[in-house]
Amino acid sequence: EEIMKPILERSGLRAGQDFYLAHSPERVDPGNK
């Protein structure tokens, strides 16, 4: 919200009104069987 949202909204579109914005952190454990 502090870094990405302002950059995206330079397009003139608004998060939550014109496009959707989310964070879903990766949980990859390389080599986990």
PDB file of all heavy atoms in Angstrom:
ATOM      1  N   GLU A   1       0.813  -1.223   0.000  1.00  0.00           N
ATOM      2  CA  GLU A   1       0.000   0.000   0.000  1.00  0.00           C
ATOM      3  C   GLU A   1       0.848   1.274   0.000  1.00  0.00           C
ATOM      4  O   GLU A   1       0.405   2.306  -0.515  1.00  0.00           O
ATOM      5  CB  GLU A   1      -0.945  -0.015   1.190  1.00  0.00           C
ATOM      6  CG  GLU A   1      -1.974  -1.158   1.080  1.00  0.00           C
ATOM      7  CD  GLU A   1      -2.990  -1.157   2.194  1.00  0.00           C
ATOM      8  OE1 GLU A   1      -2.718  -0.515   3.226  1.00  0.00           O
ATOM      9  OE2 GLU A   1      -4.048  -1.799   2.035  1.00  0.00           O
ATOM     10  N   GLU A   2       2.051   1.213   0.540  1.00  0.00           N
ATOM     11  CA  GLU A   2       2.877   2.422   0.614  1.00  0.00           C
ATOM     12  C   GLU A   2       3.769   2.612  -0.615  1.00  0.00           C
ATOM     13  O   GLU A   2       4.086   3.747  -0.987  1.00  0.00           O
ATOM     14  CB  GLU A   2       3.754   2.372   1.863  1.00  0.00           C
ATOM     15  CG  GLU A   2       2.968   2.384   3.168  1.00  0.00           C
ATOM     16  CD  GLU A   2       3.850   2.086   4.375  1.00  0.00           C
ATOM     17  OE1 GLU A   2       5.096   2.062   4.221  1.00  0.00           O
ATOM     18  OE2 GLU A   2       3.295   1.856   5.462  1.00  0.00           O
ATOM     19  N   ILE A   3       4.178   1.526  -1.241  1.00  0.00           N
ATOM     20  CA  ILE A   3       5.064   1.598  -2.403  1.00  0.00           C
ATOM     21  C   ILE A   3       4.302   1.313  -3.698  1.00  0.00           C
ATOM     22  O   ILE A   3       4.314   2.116  -4.640  1.00  0.00           O
ATOM     23  CB  ILE A   3       6.235   0.598  -2.262  1.00  0.00           C
ATOM     24  CG1 ILE A   3       7.030   0.875  -0.973  1.00  0.00           C
ATOM     25  CG2 ILE A   3       7.132   0.679  -3.498  1.00  0.00           C
ATOM     26  CD1 ILE A   3       7.698   2.230  -0.935  1.00  0.00           C
ATOM     27  N   MET A   4       3.619   0.179  -3.750  1.00  0.00           N
ATOM     28  CA  MET A   4       2.983  -0.234  -4.999  1.00  0.00           C
ATOM     29  C   MET A   4       1.748   0.601  -5.339  1.00  0.00           C
ATOM     30  O   MET A   4       1.577   1.025  -6.481  1.00  0.00           O
ATOM     31  CB  MET A   4       2.604  -1.717  -4.922  1.00  0.00           C
ATOM     32  CG  MET A   4       3.782  -2.668  -4.928  1.00  0.00           C
ATOM     33  SD  MET A   4       3.228  -4.379  -4.932  1.00  0.00           S
ATOM     34  CE  MET A   4       2.290  -4.446  -6.464  1.00  0.00           C
ATOM     35  N   LYS A   5       0.875   0.811  -4.381  1.00  0.00           N
ATOM     36  CA  LYS A   5      -0.392   1.490  -4.650  1.00  0.00           C
ATOM     37  C   LYS A   5      -0.196   2.878  -5.270  1.00  0.00           C
ATOM     38  O   LYS A   5      -0.832   3.194  -6.296  1.00  0.00           O
ATOM     39  CB  LYS A   5      -1.216   1.576  -3.369  1.00  0.00           C
ATOM     40  CG  LYS A   5      -2.564   2.292  -3.503  1.00  0.00           C
ATOM     41  CD  LYS A   5      -3.334   2.194  -2.195  1.00  0.00           C
ATOM     42  CE  LYS A   5      -4.610   3.033  -2.236  1.00  0.00           C
ATOM     43  NZ  LYS A   5      -4.310   4.484  -2.135  1.00  0.00           N
ATOM     44  N   PRO A   6       0.672   3.738  -4.709  1.00  0.00           N
ATOM     45  CA  PRO A   6       0.854   5.057  -5.338  1.00  0.00           C
ATOM     46  C   PRO A   6       1.384   4.980  -6.764  1.00  0.00           C
ATOM     47  O   PRO A   6       0.988   5.783  -7.621  1.00  0.00           O
ATOM     48  CB  PRO A   6       1.857   5.750  -4.407  1.00  0.00           C
ATOM     49  CG  PRO A   6       1.721   5.061  -3.099  1.00  0.00           C
ATOM     50  CD  PRO A   6       1.418   3.636  -3.452  1.00  0.00           C
ATOM     51  N   ILE A   7       2.279   4.026  -7.015  1.00  0.00           N
ATOM     52  CA  ILE A   7       2.813   3.879  -8.377  1.00  0.00           C
ATOM     53  C   ILE A   7       1.708   3.445  -9.329  1.00  0.00           C
ATOM     54  O   ILE A   7       1.556   3.992 -10.434  1.00  0.00           O
ATOM     55  CB  ILE A   7       3.977   2.864  -8.395  1.00  0.00           C
ATOM     56  CG1 ILE A   7       5.162   3.388  -7.580  1.00  0.00           C
ATOM     57  CG2 ILE A   7       4.404   2.566  -9.831  1.00  0.00           C
ATOM     58  CD1 ILE A   7       6.293   2.390  -7.436  1.00  0.00           C
ATOM     59  N   LEU A   8       0.913   2.464  -8.921  1.00  0.00           N
ATOM     60  CA  LEU A   8      -0.164   1.972  -9.780  1.00  0.00           C
ATOM     61  C   LEU A   8      -1.205   3.056 -10.037  1.00  0.00           C
ATOM     62  O   LEU A   8      -1.773   3.147 -11.141  1.00  0.00           O
ATOM     63  CB  LEU A   8      -0.822   0.745  -9.137  1.00  0.00           C
ATOM     64  CG  LEU A   8       0.047  -0.513  -9.047  1.00  0.00           C
ATOM     65  CD1 LEU A   8      -0.631  -1.572  -8.189  1.00  0.00           C
ATOM     66  CD2 LEU A   8       0.342  -1.078 -10.433  1.00  0.00           C
ATOM     67  N   GLU A   9      -1.463   3.893  -9.044  1.00  0.00           N
ATOM     68  CA  GLU A   9      -2.509   4.906  -9.190  1.00  0.00           C
ATOM     69  C   GLU A   9      -2.056   6.097 -10.032  1.00  0.00           C
ATOM     70  O   GLU A   9      -2.869   6.966 -10.361  1.00  0.00           O
ATOM     71  CB  GLU A   9      -2.998   5.353  -7.820  1.00  0.00           C
ATOM     72  CG  GLU A   9      -3.795   4.251  -7.114  1.00  0.00           C
ATOM     73  CD  GLU A   9      -4.434   4.697  -5.811  1.00  0.00           C
ATOM     74  OE1 GLU A   9      -3.974   5.723  -5.239  1.00  0.00           O
ATOM     75  OE2 GLU A   9      -5.388   4.027  -5.359  1.00  0.00           O
ATOM     76  N   ARG A  10      -0.774   6.148 -10.412  1.00  0.00           N
ATOM     77  CA  ARG A  10      -0.340   7.156 -11.376  1.00  0.00           C
ATOM     78  C   ARG A  10      -1.029   6.953 -12.726  1.00  0.00           C
ATOM     79  O   ARG A  10      -1.069   7.859 -13.560  1.00  0.00           O
ATOM     80  CB  ARG A  10       1.173   7.091 -11.573  1.00  0.00           C
ATOM     81  CG  ARG A  10       1.988   7.519 -10.363  1.00  0.00           C
ATOM     82  CD  ARG A  10       3.464   7.315 -10.652  1.00  0.00           C
ATOM     83  NE  ARG A  10       4.267   7.385  -9.445  1.00  0.00           N
ATOM     84  CZ  ARG A  10       5.525   6.956  -9.348  1.00  0.00           C
ATOM     85  NH1 ARG A  10       6.114   6.420 -10.416  1.00  0.00           N
ATOM     86  NH2 ARG A  10       6.187   7.042  -8.217  1.00  0.00           N
ATOM     87  N   SER A  11      -1.557   5.759 -12.929  1.00  0.00           N
ATOM     88  CA  SER A  11      -2.273   5.453 -14.166  1.00  0.00           C
ATOM     89  C   SER A  11      -3.598   6.201 -14.251  1.00  0.00           C
ATOM     90  O   SER A  11      -4.218   6.238 -15.322  1.00  0.00           O
ATOM     91  CB  SER A  11      -2.540   3.950 -14.240  1.00  0.00           C
ATOM     92  OG  SER A  11      -3.426   3.565 -13.188  1.00  0.00           O
ATOM     93  N   GLY A  12      -4.029   6.778 -13.140  1.00  0.00           N
ATOM     94  CA  GLY A  12      -5.340   7.411 -13.084  1.00  0.00           C
ATOM     95  C   GLY A  12      -6.416   6.492 -12.557  1.00  0.00           C
ATOM     96  O   GLY A  12      -7.530   6.933 -12.253  1.00  0.00           O
ATOM     97  N   LEU A  13      -6.103   5.213 -12.421  1.00  0.00           N
ATOM     98  CA  LEU A  13      -7.030   4.240 -11.844  1.00  0.00           C
ATOM     99  C   LEU A  13      -6.812   4.164 -10.338  1.00  0.00           C
ATOM    100  O   LEU A  13      -5.731   4.462  -9.834  1.00  0.00           O
ATOM    101  CB  LEU A  13      -6.817   2.864 -12.482  1.00  0.00           C
ATOM    102  CG  LEU A  13      -6.961   2.810 -14.012  1.00  0.00           C
ATOM    103  CD1 LEU A  13      -6.672   1.397 -14.514  1.00  0.00           C
ATOM    104  CD2 LEU A  13      -8.341   3.268 -14.442  1.00  0.00           C
ATOM    105  N   ARG A  14      -7.862   3.761  -9.605  1.00  0.00           N
ATOM    106  CA  ARG A  14      -7.806   3.735  -8.154  1.00  0.00           C
ATOM    107  C   ARG A  14      -7.976   2.306  -7.634  1.00  0.00           C
ATOM    108  O   ARG A  14      -8.890   1.578  -8.063  1.00  0.00           O
ATOM    109  CB  ARG A  14      -8.906   4.626  -7.555  1.00  0.00           C
ATOM    110  CG  ARG A  14      -8.688   6.111  -7.843  1.00  0.00           C
ATOM    111  CD  ARG A  14      -7.477   6.631  -7.041  1.00  0.00           C
ATOM    112  NE  ARG A  14      -7.127   8.002  -7.389  1.00  0.00           N
ATOM    113  CZ  ARG A  14      -6.197   8.368  -8.260  1.00  0.00           C
ATOM    114  NH1 ARG A  14      -5.496   7.425  -8.906  1.00  0.00           N
ATOM    115  NH2 ARG A  14      -5.934   9.635  -8.506  1.00  0.00           N
ATOM    116  N   ALA A  15      -7.084   1.951  -6.691  1.00  0.00           N
ATOM    117  CA  ALA A  15      -7.175   0.636  -6.055  1.00  0.00           C
ATOM    118  C   ALA A  15      -8.483   0.542  -5.279  1.00  0.00           C
ATOM    119  O   ALA A  15      -8.861   1.471  -4.565  1.00  0.00           O
ATOM    120  CB  ALA A  15      -5.997   0.417  -5.109  1.00  0.00           C
ATOM    121  N   GLY A  16      -9.177  -0.579  -5.433  1.00  0.00           N
ATOM    122  CA  GLY A  16     -10.441  -0.761  -4.758  1.00  0.00           C
ATOM    123  C   GLY A  16     -11.622  -0.184  -5.502  1.00  0.00           C
ATOM    124  O   GLY A  16     -12.777  -0.466  -5.151  1.00  0.00           O
ATOM    125  N   GLN A  17     -11.349   0.621  -6.518  1.00  0.00           N
ATOM    126  CA  GLN A  17     -12.413   1.168  -7.358  1.00  0.00           C
ATOM    127  C   GLN A  17     -12.290   0.667  -8.796  1.00  0.00           C
ATOM    128  O   GLN A  17     -13.270   0.229  -9.393  1.00  0.00           O
ATOM    129  CB  GLN A  17     -12.368   2.699  -7.353  1.00  0.00           C
ATOM    130  CG  GLN A  17     -12.599   3.329  -5.990  1.00  0.00           C
ATOM    131  CD  GLN A  17     -12.493   4.843  -6.054  1.00  0.00           C
ATOM    132  OE1 GLN A  17     -12.687   5.441  -7.112  1.00  0.00           O
ATOM    133  NE2 GLN A  17     -12.173   5.467  -4.933  1.00  0.00           N
ATOM    134  N   ASP A  18     -11.075   0.736  -9.329  1.00  0.00           N
ATOM    135  CA  ASP A  18     -10.857   0.371 -10.726  1.00  0.00           C
ATOM    136  C   ASP A  18     -10.049  -0.915 -10.893  1.00  0.00           C
ATOM    137  O   ASP A  18     -10.118  -1.551 -11.941  1.00  0.00           O
ATOM    138  CB  ASP A  18     -10.127   1.500 -11.447  1.00  0.00           C
ATOM    139  CG  ASP A  18     -10.874   2.817 -11.328  1.00  0.00           C
ATOM    140  OD1 ASP A  18     -12.055   2.853 -11.695  1.00  0.00           O
ATOM    141  OD2 ASP A  18     -10.280   3.795 -10.850  1.00  0.00           O
ATOM    142  N   PHE A  19      -9.249  -1.253  -9.908  1.00  0.00           N
ATOM    143  CA  PHE A  19      -8.491  -2.506  -9.969  1.00  0.00           C
ATOM    144  C   PHE A  19      -8.355  -3.065  -8.562  1.00  0.00           C
ATOM    145  O   PHE A  19      -8.562  -2.366  -7.567  1.00  0.00           O
ATOM    146  CB  PHE A  19      -7.104  -2.299 -10.610  1.00  0.00           C
ATOM    147  CG  PHE A  19      -6.170  -1.417  -9.815  1.00  0.00           C
ATOM    148  CD1 PHE A  19      -5.290  -1.958  -8.886  1.00  0.00           C
ATOM    149  CD2 PHE A  19      -6.160  -0.035 -10.007  1.00  0.00           C
ATOM    150  CE1 PHE A  19      -4.422  -1.156  -8.160  1.00  0.00           C
ATOM    151  CE2 PHE A  19      -5.297   0.777  -9.288  1.00  0.00           C
ATOM    152  CZ  PHE A  19      -4.435   0.219  -8.361  1.00  0.00           C
ATOM    153  N   TYR A  20      -8.046  -4.353  -8.489  1.00  0.00           N
ATOM    154  CA  TYR A  20      -7.910  -5.052  -7.211  1.00  0.00           C
ATOM    155  C   TYR A  20      -6.429  -5.140  -6.849  1.00  0.00           C
ATOM    156  O   TYR A  20      -5.581  -5.342  -7.719  1.00  0.00           O
ATOM    157  CB  TYR A  20      -8.493  -6.460  -7.299  1.00  0.00           C
ATOM    158  CG  TYR A  20      -9.915  -6.511  -7.796  1.00  0.00           C
ATOM    159  CD1 TYR A  20     -10.193  -6.863  -9.117  1.00  0.00           C
ATOM    160  CD2 TYR A  20     -10.989  -6.223  -6.960  1.00  0.00           C
ATOM    161  CE1 TYR A  20     -11.496  -6.928  -9.591  1.00  0.00           C
ATOM    162  CE2 TYR A  20     -12.300  -6.281  -7.421  1.00  0.00           C
ATOM    163  CZ  TYR A  20     -12.551  -6.631  -8.737  1.00  0.00           C
ATOM    164  OH  TYR A  20     -13.826  -6.681  -9.197  1.00  0.00           O
ATOM    165  N   LEU A  21      -6.134  -5.049  -5.556  1.00  0.00           N
ATOM    166  CA  LEU A  21      -4.742  -5.075  -5.088  1.00  0.00           C
ATOM    167  C   LEU A  21      -4.643  -5.949  -3.845  1.00  0.00           C
ATOM    168  O   LEU A  21      -5.430  -5.796  -2.900  1.00  0.00           O
ATOM    169  CB  LEU A  21      -4.266  -3.655  -4.768  1.00  0.00           C
ATOM    170  CG  LEU A  21      -2.818  -3.493  -4.289  1.00  0.00           C
ATOM    171  CD1 LEU A  21      -1.834  -3.966  -5.366  1.00  0.00           C
ATOM    172  CD2 LEU A  21      -2.546  -2.032  -3.925  1.00  0.00           C
ATOM    173  N   ALA A  22      -3.678  -6.872  -3.833  1.00  0.00           N
ATOM    174  CA  ALA A  22      -3.550  -7.815  -2.711  1.00  0.00           C
ATOM    175  C   ALA A  22      -2.091  -8.181  -2.481  1.00  0.00           C
ATOM    176  O   ALA A  22      -1.225  -7.956  -3.328  1.00  0.00           O
ATOM    177  CB  ALA A  22      -4.374  -9.074  -2.996  1.00  0.00           C
ATOM    178  N   HIS A  23      -1.872  -8.752  -1.314  1.00  0.00           N
ATOM    179  CA  HIS A  23      -0.565  -9.351  -1.003  1.00  0.00           C
ATOM    180  C   HIS A  23      -0.806 -10.763  -0.494  1.00  0.00           C
ATOM    181  O   HIS A  23      -1.635 -10.989   0.391  1.00  0.00           O
ATOM    182  CB  HIS A  23       0.182  -8.556   0.069  1.00  0.00           C
ATOM    183  CG  HIS A  23       1.546  -9.114   0.356  1.00  0.00           C
ATOM    184  ND1 HIS A  23       2.643  -8.855  -0.421  1.00  0.00           N
ATOM    185  CD2 HIS A  23       1.975  -9.964   1.326  1.00  0.00           C
ATOM    186  CE1 HIS A  23       3.694  -9.496   0.049  1.00  0.00           C
ATOM    187  NE2 HIS A  23       3.316 -10.186   1.109  1.00  0.00           N
ATOM    188  N   SER A  24      -0.080 -11.707  -1.068  1.00  0.00           N
ATOM    189  CA  SER A  24      -0.167 -13.102  -0.640  1.00  0.00           C
ATOM    190  C   SER A  24       1.239 -13.682  -0.617  1.00  0.00           C
ATOM    191  O   SER A  24       1.760 -14.120  -1.648  1.00  0.00           O
ATOM    192  CB  SER A  24      -1.057 -13.910  -1.592  1.00  0.00           C
ATOM    193  OG  SER A  24      -1.186 -15.242  -1.138  1.00  0.00           O
ATOM    194  N   PRO A  25       1.890 -13.657   0.536  1.00  0.00           N
ATOM    195  CA  PRO A  25       3.317 -14.016   0.592  1.00  0.00           C
ATOM    196  C   PRO A  25       3.586 -15.457   0.208  1.00  0.00           C
ATOM    197  O   PRO A  25       2.854 -16.367   0.583  1.00  0.00           O
ATOM    198  CB  PRO A  25       3.673 -13.760   2.056  1.00  0.00           C
ATOM    199  CG  PRO A  25       2.378 -13.869   2.799  1.00  0.00           C
ATOM    200  CD  PRO A  25       1.332 -13.355   1.856  1.00  0.00           C
ATOM    201  N   GLU A  26       4.643 -15.641  -0.575  1.00  0.00           N
ATOM    202  CA  GLU A  26       5.062 -16.998  -0.947  1.00  0.00           C
ATOM    203  C   GLU A  26       5.521 -17.760   0.291  1.00  0.00           C
ATOM    204  O   GLU A  26       6.058 -17.187   1.236  1.00  0.00           O
ATOM    205  CB  GLU A  26       6.170 -16.936  -1.989  1.00  0.00           C
ATOM    206  CG  GLU A  26       7.426 -16.173  -1.562  1.00  0.00           C
ATOM    207  CD  GLU A  26       8.461 -17.023  -0.856  1.00  0.00           C
ATOM    208  OE1 GLU A  26       8.244 -18.246  -0.721  1.00  0.00           O
ATOM    209  OE2 GLU A  26       9.472 -16.463  -0.444  1.00  0.00           O
ATOM    210  N   ARG A  27       5.272 -19.072   0.242  1.00  0.00           N
ATOM    211  CA  ARG A  27       5.726 -19.950   1.323  1.00  0.00           C
ATOM    212  C   ARG A  27       6.453 -21.153   0.724  1.00  0.00           C
ATOM    213  O   ARG A  27       6.173 -22.294   1.070  1.00  0.00           O
ATOM    214  CB  ARG A  27       4.538 -20.430   2.162  1.00  0.00           C
ATOM    215  CG  ARG A  27       4.063 -19.421   3.207  1.00  0.00           C
ATOM    216  CD  ARG A  27       2.835 -19.939   3.920  1.00  0.00           C
ATOM    217  NE  ARG A  27       2.607 -19.259   5.190  1.00  0.00           N
ATOM    218  CZ  ARG A  27       1.528 -19.435   5.938  1.00  0.00           C
ATOM    219  NH1 ARG A  27       0.588 -20.281   5.545  1.00  0.00           N
ATOM    220  NH2 ARG A  27       1.383 -18.789   7.083  1.00  0.00           N
ATOM    221  N   VAL A  28       7.363 -20.886  -0.165  1.00  0.00           N
ATOM    222  CA  VAL A  28       8.085 -21.958  -0.847  1.00  0.00           C
ATOM    223  C   VAL A  28       9.227 -22.448   0.032  1.00  0.00           C
ATOM    224  O   VAL A  28      10.014 -21.652   0.549  1.00  0.00           O
ATOM    225  CB  VAL A  28       8.626 -21.462  -2.202  1.00  0.00           C
ATOM    226  CG1 VAL A  28       9.532 -22.512  -2.834  1.00  0.00           C
ATOM    227  CG2 VAL A  28       7.471 -21.125  -3.128  1.00  0.00           C
ATOM    228  N   ASP A  29       9.331 -23.752   0.191  1.00  0.00           N
ATOM    229  CA  ASP A  29      10.439 -24.378   0.904  1.00  0.00           C
ATOM    230  C   ASP A  29      11.158 -25.282  -0.088  1.00  0.00           C
ATOM    231  O   ASP A  29      10.781 -26.447  -0.255  1.00  0.00           O
ATOM    232  CB  ASP A  29       9.924 -25.186   2.099  1.00  0.00           C
ATOM    233  CG  ASP A  29      11.048 -25.799   2.917  1.00  0.00           C
ATOM    234  OD1 ASP A  29      12.206 -25.362   2.757  1.00  0.00           O
ATOM    235  OD2 ASP A  29      10.770 -26.711   3.723  1.00  0.00           O
ATOM    236  N   PRO A  30      12.163 -24.769  -0.792  1.00  0.00           N
ATOM    237  CA  PRO A  30      12.808 -25.548  -1.855  1.00  0.00           C
ATOM    238  C   PRO A  30      13.282 -26.916  -1.365  1.00  0.00           C
ATOM    239  O   PRO A  30      13.902 -27.035  -0.295  1.00  0.00           O
ATOM    240  CB  PRO A  30      14.001 -24.664  -2.255  1.00  0.00           C
ATOM    241  CG  PRO A  30      13.554 -23.276  -1.938  1.00  0.00           C
ATOM    242  CD  PRO A  30      12.753 -23.418  -0.673  1.00  0.00           C
ATOM    243  N   GLY A  31      12.968 -27.929  -2.124  1.00  0.00           N
ATOM    244  CA  GLY A  31      13.397 -29.281  -1.790  1.00  0.00           C
ATOM    245  C   GLY A  31      12.479 -30.030  -0.853  1.00  0.00           C
ATOM    246  O   GLY A  31      12.695 -31.215  -0.594  1.00  0.00           O
ATOM    247  N   ASN A  32      11.435 -29.372  -0.333  1.00  0.00           N
ATOM    248  CA  ASN A  32      10.512 -30.039   0.583  1.00  0.00           C
ATOM    249  C   ASN A  32       9.671 -31.048  -0.188  1.00  0.00           C
ATOM    250  O   ASN A  32       8.963 -30.687  -1.130  1.00  0.00           O
ATOM    251  CB  ASN A  32       9.616 -28.996   1.260  1.00  0.00           C
ATOM    252  CG  ASN A  32       8.856 -29.563   2.458  1.00  0.00           C
ATOM    253  OD1 ASN A  32       8.284 -30.647   2.391  1.00  0.00           O
ATOM    254  ND2 ASN A  32       8.870 -28.827   3.550  1.00  0.00           N
ATOM    255  N   LYS A  33       9.745 -32.321   0.209  1.00  0.00           N
ATOM    256  CA  LYS A  33       9.046 -33.377  -0.504  1.00  0.00           C
ATOM    257  C   LYS A  33       7.588 -33.513  -0.060  1.00  0.00           C
ATOM    258  O   LYS A  33       6.782 -34.168  -0.733  1.00  0.00           O
ATOM    259  CB  LYS A  33       9.762 -34.721  -0.299  1.00  0.00           C
ATOM    260  CG  LYS A  33      11.222 -34.721  -0.725  1.00  0.00           C
ATOM    261  CD  LYS A  33      11.389 -34.340  -2.193  1.00  0.00           C
ATOM    262  CE  LYS A  33      12.854 -34.388  -2.616  1.00  0.00           C
ATOM    263  NZ  LYS A  33      13.038 -33.909  -4.008  1.00  0.00           N
TER     264      LYS A  33
END
